[in-house]
């Protein structure tokens, strides 16, 4: 893993690429560049990137499309994105933020302002993502390499994607520092489970984890994770919230909304082990469907794609 933060700057203007590369490198960052959205996506998928600085108006694929596709891919969805735009149209800015961008800057701007915004994002992320990968978990890039190695060797394996329910509401009430202790807790659980099951575990950022495991281990692993998570999570709440089983958050008008205690959802993808493997794009679509489905169920649950094929056929005409 690179010791420096790696920033991908995407713009079709060579002068801007040169200026921003120089400014970031003077501050000690490693910089990659791309001149269009297609080249950007290739580098996002193949390189370890800590931040994307993304122009909206570009050939091939514009910044909105790059942002959308990045947020749909579970392996890269949590990489922070700063959008660059010439427009002052509020609707365009809102569109970018709705697609998942973390911040934006209107051209022209001073490089120091962009660097400051990048450092704010890094600082904010570090408060939540301060995870010790020596505990047995791998980074995004290492997980991608393990998956590719297994595919090339023709090994049988499945992927399990873990996502926490009601984590954002907990974070809003208790703050980033205490929310980090929840992430550390699930990290310990995942690290223990992968060690017991001869598997690989990875941390994808925010409240997302991934496990690579043999097909025979699916049910035992899912049950172990859910049992340990459900046993431990109530202890992170105040006694009154633990007893009633939910927290209350008021909106701007003072209307209260109830949010249940956190749960864990596990979406298991077995389609990678079939004779006709699905493509990375199909994998992303299928995983999103499974994750939406399992998160719609009450409490902690897991679903396996092959058991829901009637509803979740891999896209692209595969049965």
Protein backbone atom coordinates (compact mmCIF):
# COMPACT_ATOMS: atom_id res chain seq x y z
CA UNK A 1 0.00 0.00 0.00
CA UNK A 2 1.44 3.38 -0.92
CA UNK A 3 2.67 5.45 2.03
CA UNK A 4 1.46 8.68 0.42
CA UNK A 5 -2.15 9.58 -0.25
CA UNK A 6 -2.90 9.00 -3.93
CA UNK A 7 -5.06 11.50 -5.78
CA UNK A 8 -6.54 10.98 -9.22
CA UNK A 9 -7.09 14.27 -11.10
CA UNK A 10 -9.45 13.96 -14.07
CA UNK A 11 -9.75 16.82 -16.57
CA UNK A 12 -9.54 17.17 -20.35
CA UNK A 13 -7.50 20.38 -19.97
CA UNK A 14 -3.79 19.51 -19.92
CA UNK A 15 -2.88 22.83 -18.30
CA UNK A 16 -5.17 22.13 -15.36
CA UNK A 17 -3.76 18.61 -14.97
CA UNK A 18 -0.21 19.98 -14.90
CA UNK A 19 -1.06 22.75 -12.42
CA UNK A 20 -2.95 20.50 -10.00
CA UNK A 21 -0.37 17.73 -10.21
CA UNK A 22 2.37 20.18 -9.25
CA UNK A 23 0.34 21.74 -6.43
CA UNK A 24 -0.56 18.39 -4.84
CA UNK A 25 2.95 16.96 -5.24
CA UNK A 26 4.40 19.99 -3.44
CA UNK A 27 2.21 19.04 -0.48
CA UNK A 28 3.54 15.48 -0.49
CA UNK A 29 0.73 13.70 -2.35
CA UNK A 30 1.14 11.16 -5.14
CA UNK A 31 -0.86 12.20 -8.22
CA UNK A 32 -2.33 10.20 -11.10
CA UNK A 33 -4.10 11.89 -14.01
CA UNK A 34 -6.73 11.03 -16.63
CA UNK A 35 -8.03 13.08 -19.56
CA UNK A 36 -11.50 11.56 -19.90
CA UNK A 37 -14.06 9.60 -17.91
CA UNK A 38 -13.29 6.22 -19.46
CA UNK A 39 -9.58 6.47 -18.63
CA UNK A 40 -10.53 7.64 -15.15
CA UNK A 41 -12.71 4.58 -14.47
CA UNK A 42 -9.95 2.25 -15.65
CA UNK A 43 -7.52 3.81 -13.17
CA UNK A 44 -10.06 3.89 -10.34
CA UNK A 45 -10.64 0.15 -10.77
CA UNK A 46 -6.98 -0.83 -11.21
CA UNK A 47 -5.15 1.56 -8.86
CA UNK A 48 -5.39 2.32 -5.17
CA UNK A 49 -6.92 5.80 -5.04
CA UNK A 50 -7.61 7.89 -1.92
CA UNK A 51 -9.38 10.85 -3.58
CA UNK A 52 -10.79 11.69 -7.03
CA UNK A 53 -10.76 15.29 -8.32
CA UNK A 54 -13.24 15.10 -11.17
CA UNK A 55 -14.17 17.61 -13.87
CA UNK A 56 -17.84 17.43 -14.94
CA UNK A 57 -17.51 18.45 -18.60
CA UNK A 58 -15.36 15.81 -20.34
CA UNK A 59 -15.40 13.70 -23.50
CA UNK A 60 -16.33 9.98 -23.64
CA UNK A 61 -17.87 9.92 -20.15
CA UNK A 62 -18.67 13.09 -18.23
CA UNK A 63 -18.02 13.57 -14.53
CA UNK A 64 -21.61 12.77 -13.56
CA UNK A 65 -21.40 9.35 -15.23
CA UNK A 66 -18.02 8.58 -13.65
CA UNK A 67 -19.43 9.54 -10.27
CA UNK A 68 -22.54 7.41 -10.77
CA UNK A 69 -20.61 4.33 -11.87
CA UNK A 70 -18.12 4.69 -9.04
CA UNK A 71 -20.90 4.80 -6.47
CA UNK A 72 -22.53 1.69 -7.96
CA UNK A 73 -19.38 -0.42 -7.60
CA UNK A 74 -19.03 -1.83 -4.09
CA UNK A 75 -15.23 -1.97 -4.30
CA UNK A 76 -14.75 1.73 -5.08
CA UNK A 77 -17.98 3.37 -3.90
CA UNK A 78 -16.40 4.99 -0.83
CA UNK A 79 -13.54 6.83 -2.55
CA UNK A 80 -14.16 10.57 -1.91
CA UNK A 81 -14.94 12.71 -4.97
CA UNK A 82 -14.53 16.47 -5.45
CA UNK A 83 -16.30 17.76 -8.57
CA UNK A 84 -14.95 20.64 -10.67
CA UNK A 85 -17.42 22.68 -12.70
CA UNK A 86 -17.65 25.87 -14.70
CA UNK A 87 -21.36 26.14 -13.99
CA UNK A 88 -22.94 28.13 -11.20
CA UNK A 89 -26.29 26.44 -11.84
CA UNK A 90 -27.48 25.16 -8.47
CA UNK A 91 -29.29 22.25 -10.12
CA UNK A 92 -26.03 20.95 -11.62
CA UNK A 93 -24.28 21.17 -8.29
CA UNK A 94 -27.18 19.38 -6.57
CA UNK A 95 -27.08 16.65 -9.23
CA UNK A 96 -23.42 16.00 -8.50
CA UNK A 97 -23.99 15.82 -4.75
CA UNK A 98 -27.00 13.52 -5.22
CA UNK A 99 -24.85 11.18 -7.30
CA UNK A 100 -22.49 10.84 -4.35
CA UNK A 101 -19.87 13.58 -4.72
CA UNK A 102 -18.42 14.75 -1.40
CA UNK A 103 -17.67 18.34 -2.40
CA UNK A 104 -17.39 20.66 -5.41
CA UNK A 105 -15.44 23.68 -6.66
CA UNK A 106 -16.43 26.20 -9.31
CA UNK A 107 -13.77 27.12 -11.87
CA UNK A 108 -11.66 29.18 -11.77
CA UNK A 109 -10.29 28.42 -8.31
CA UNK A 110 -6.97 28.57 -6.52
CA UNK A 111 -5.14 25.23 -6.13
CA UNK A 112 -4.65 25.96 -2.43
CA UNK A 113 -8.43 26.00 -1.97
CA UNK A 114 -8.74 22.56 -3.59
CA UNK A 115 -5.89 21.20 -1.45
CA UNK A 116 -7.58 22.53 1.70
CA UNK A 117 -10.85 20.84 0.77
CA UNK A 118 -9.03 17.60 0.05
CA UNK A 119 -7.30 17.72 3.43
CA UNK A 120 -10.62 18.34 5.19
CA UNK A 121 -12.03 15.22 3.51
CA UNK A 122 -8.98 13.16 4.48
CA UNK A 123 -9.19 14.37 8.08
CA UNK A 124 -12.92 13.67 8.30
CA UNK A 125 -12.51 10.21 6.79
CA UNK A 126 -9.62 9.30 9.05
CA UNK A 127 -11.71 9.91 12.14
CA UNK A 128 -14.04 7.13 11.03
CA UNK A 129 -11.67 4.92 9.05
CA UNK A 130 -8.90 4.54 11.60
CA UNK A 131 -8.87 0.75 11.26
CA UNK A 132 -5.87 -1.50 11.93
CA UNK A 133 -5.62 -3.75 8.86
CA UNK A 134 -3.06 -5.88 10.69
CA UNK A 135 -6.07 -7.33 12.50
CA UNK A 136 -6.58 -9.56 9.46
CA UNK A 137 -8.42 -7.29 7.03
CA UNK A 138 -7.19 -6.22 3.61
CA UNK A 139 -7.42 -2.93 1.76
CA UNK A 140 -9.59 -2.41 -1.33
CA UNK A 141 -6.67 -2.97 -3.69
CA UNK A 142 -5.53 -6.14 -1.94
CA UNK A 143 -9.07 -7.55 -2.00
CA UNK A 144 -9.37 -6.82 -5.74
CA UNK A 145 -6.06 -8.63 -6.30
CA UNK A 146 -7.21 -11.67 -4.32
CA UNK A 147 -10.44 -11.85 -6.37
CA UNK A 148 -8.54 -11.55 -9.65
CA UNK A 149 -6.04 -14.22 -8.60
CA UNK A 150 -8.81 -16.65 -7.75
CA UNK A 151 -10.62 -15.97 -11.02
CA UNK A 152 -7.42 -16.55 -13.01
CA UNK A 153 -6.76 -19.83 -11.19
CA UNK A 154 -10.35 -20.98 -11.64
CA UNK A 155 -10.85 -21.41 -7.88
CA UNK A 156 -14.30 -21.87 -6.40
CA UNK A 157 -15.20 -19.00 -4.06
CA UNK A 158 -18.03 -16.68 -3.08
CA UNK A 159 -18.15 -13.05 -2.00
CA UNK A 160 -20.06 -11.77 1.00
CA UNK A 161 -20.76 -8.03 1.29
CA UNK A 162 -21.51 -6.70 4.77
CA UNK A 163 -23.38 -3.46 5.41
CA UNK A 164 -24.69 -1.93 8.63
CA UNK A 165 -28.30 -0.79 8.93
CA UNK A 166 -29.16 2.44 10.78
CA UNK A 167 -25.46 3.31 11.14
CA UNK A 168 -25.97 6.87 9.87
CA UNK A 169 -28.69 7.60 12.44
CA UNK A 170 -26.43 6.25 15.19
CA UNK A 171 -23.56 8.41 13.92
CA UNK A 172 -25.80 11.50 13.89
CA UNK A 173 -26.70 11.01 17.54
CA UNK A 174 -23.41 9.75 19.00
CA UNK A 175 -20.85 11.42 16.70
CA UNK A 176 -17.96 10.24 14.53
CA UNK A 177 -15.62 9.27 17.36
CA UNK A 178 -18.06 6.89 19.01
CA UNK A 179 -19.25 5.58 15.62
CA UNK A 180 -15.64 4.62 14.97
CA UNK A 181 -15.81 2.24 17.93
CA UNK A 182 -18.69 0.44 16.21
CA UNK A 183 -16.56 0.01 13.07
CA UNK A 184 -13.70 -1.29 15.21
CA UNK A 185 -16.11 -3.79 16.78
CA UNK A 186 -17.31 -5.21 13.46
CA UNK A 187 -13.70 -5.25 12.25
CA UNK A 188 -12.78 -7.53 15.16
CA UNK A 189 -15.75 -9.77 14.42
CA UNK A 190 -14.92 -10.07 10.73
CA UNK A 191 -11.21 -10.65 11.42
CA UNK A 192 -12.05 -13.44 13.86
CA UNK A 193 -14.50 -15.10 11.48
CA UNK A 194 -12.17 -15.06 8.46
CA UNK A 195 -9.38 -16.51 10.58
CA UNK A 196 -11.65 -19.33 11.78
CA UNK A 197 -12.87 -20.07 8.24
CA UNK A 198 -9.61 -19.76 6.26
CA UNK A 199 -11.01 -16.80 4.34
CA UNK A 200 -10.03 -13.23 3.40
CA UNK A 201 -11.73 -10.16 4.81
CA UNK A 202 -11.53 -6.58 3.63
CA UNK A 203 -12.70 -3.15 4.77
CA UNK A 204 -14.26 -1.10 1.96
CA UNK A 205 -14.79 2.11 3.94
CA UNK A 206 -17.63 3.68 5.93
CA UNK A 207 -19.73 0.72 7.17
CA UNK A 208 -18.97 -1.72 4.34
CA UNK A 209 -16.94 -4.93 4.56
CA UNK A 210 -16.27 -7.84 2.19
CA UNK A 211 -15.29 -11.47 2.73
CA UNK A 212 -13.89 -13.96 0.20
CA UNK A 213 -14.67 -17.51 1.32
CA UNK A 214 -15.13 -21.11 0.15
CA UNK A 215 -18.72 -22.02 -0.86
CA UNK A 216 -18.99 -24.58 1.96
CA UNK A 217 -18.49 -21.92 4.63
CA UNK A 218 -21.36 -19.56 3.69
CA UNK A 219 -24.04 -20.34 6.25
CA UNK A 220 -21.77 -20.94 9.23
CA UNK A 221 -19.91 -17.70 8.60
CA UNK A 222 -23.06 -15.59 8.14
CA UNK A 223 -24.66 -17.01 11.28
CA UNK A 224 -21.52 -16.45 13.34
CA UNK A 225 -21.20 -12.83 12.24
CA UNK A 226 -24.87 -12.05 12.84
CA UNK A 227 -24.88 -13.71 16.26
CA UNK A 228 -21.78 -11.89 17.48
CA UNK A 229 -22.92 -8.56 16.03
CA UNK A 230 -26.41 -8.74 17.52
CA UNK A 231 -24.99 -9.74 20.91
CA UNK A 232 -22.51 -6.86 21.01
CA UNK A 233 -24.27 -3.92 19.35
CA UNK A 234 -26.83 -3.05 22.10
CA UNK A 235 -23.94 -2.17 24.41
CA UNK A 236 -23.13 0.86 22.27
CA UNK A 237 -26.45 2.52 23.14
CA UNK A 238 -27.69 4.29 26.24
CA UNK A 239 -29.66 1.98 28.57
CA UNK A 240 -33.02 3.63 27.78
CA UNK A 241 -32.46 3.26 24.03
CA UNK A 242 -31.25 -0.30 24.46
CA UNK A 243 -34.35 -1.17 26.45
CA UNK A 244 -36.88 0.29 24.01
CA UNK A 245 -34.96 -0.89 20.92
CA UNK A 246 -34.69 2.38 19.00
CA UNK A 247 -33.37 5.95 19.01
CA UNK A 248 -35.34 9.09 18.22
CA UNK A 249 -34.14 11.84 15.87
CA UNK A 250 -36.10 15.05 15.28
CA UNK A 251 -36.18 16.73 11.87
CA UNK A 252 -35.82 20.47 11.29
CA UNK A 253 -39.47 20.99 12.21
CA UNK A 254 -39.21 19.04 15.44
CA UNK A 255 -40.99 15.92 14.17
CA UNK A 256 -39.58 12.78 15.82
CA UNK A 257 -38.54 9.71 13.80
CA UNK A 258 -37.71 6.32 15.29
CA UNK A 259 -34.66 4.39 14.11
CA UNK A 260 -34.14 0.79 15.27
CA UNK A 261 -30.85 -0.35 16.79
CA UNK A 262 -28.17 -1.13 14.24
CA UNK A 263 -28.35 -4.38 12.31
CA UNK A 264 -26.05 -6.12 9.86
CA UNK A 265 -26.99 -7.21 6.32
CA UNK A 266 -24.96 -9.76 4.36
CA UNK A 267 -25.37 -10.23 0.59
CA UNK A 268 -23.68 -13.39 -0.68
CA UNK A 269 -22.70 -13.66 -4.36
CA UNK A 270 -22.09 -17.18 -5.70
CA UNK A 271 -22.42 -16.33 -9.41
CA UNK A 272 -18.62 -15.96 -9.65
CA UNK A 273 -18.24 -19.72 -9.24
CA UNK A 274 -20.61 -20.66 -12.07
CA UNK A 275 -19.32 -21.94 -15.39
CA UNK A 276 -20.43 -18.75 -17.13
CA UNK A 277 -19.18 -16.07 -14.76
CA UNK A 278 -20.86 -12.68 -14.71
CA UNK A 279 -18.95 -9.56 -15.71
CA UNK A 280 -17.80 -6.90 -13.21
CA UNK A 281 -20.69 -4.66 -14.33
CA UNK A 282 -23.21 -7.48 -13.86
CA UNK A 283 -21.66 -8.24 -10.47
CA UNK A 284 -22.15 -4.63 -9.40
CA UNK A 285 -25.81 -4.61 -10.47
CA UNK A 286 -26.58 -7.97 -8.87
CA UNK A 287 -24.85 -7.00 -5.63
CA UNK A 288 -26.79 -3.74 -5.43
CA UNK A 289 -30.06 -5.62 -5.86
CA UNK A 290 -29.19 -8.16 -3.21
CA UNK A 291 -28.03 -5.51 -0.76
CA UNK A 292 -31.22 -3.50 -1.23
CA UNK A 293 -33.29 -6.62 -0.67
CA UNK A 294 -31.54 -7.84 2.47
CA UNK A 295 -31.56 -4.33 3.96
CA UNK A 296 -35.33 -4.17 3.44
CA UNK A 297 -35.74 -7.10 5.84
CA UNK A 298 -36.15 -6.36 9.57
CA UNK A 299 -33.13 -6.93 11.81
CA UNK A 300 -29.91 -8.70 10.85
CA UNK A 301 -30.12 -11.09 7.90
CA UNK A 302 -28.22 -12.71 5.06
CA UNK A 303 -29.31 -13.66 1.54
CA UNK A 304 -27.63 -15.89 -1.05
CA UNK A 305 -28.11 -15.04 -4.72
CA UNK A 306 -28.62 -18.64 -5.89
CA UNK A 307 -31.57 -19.01 -3.52
CA UNK A 308 -33.27 -15.91 -4.91
CA UNK A 309 -32.72 -16.43 -8.63
CA UNK A 310 -36.40 -16.12 -9.37
CA UNK A 311 -36.08 -12.47 -8.32
CA UNK A 312 -32.38 -11.76 -8.81
CA UNK A 313 -31.25 -13.26 -12.07
CA UNK A 314 -27.81 -11.95 -13.09
CA UNK A 315 -28.39 -9.16 -15.65
CA UNK A 316 -27.53 -9.65 -19.28
CA UNK A 317 -29.84 -12.56 -20.01
CA UNK A 318 -28.13 -15.16 -17.82
CA UNK A 319 -30.34 -17.63 -16.01
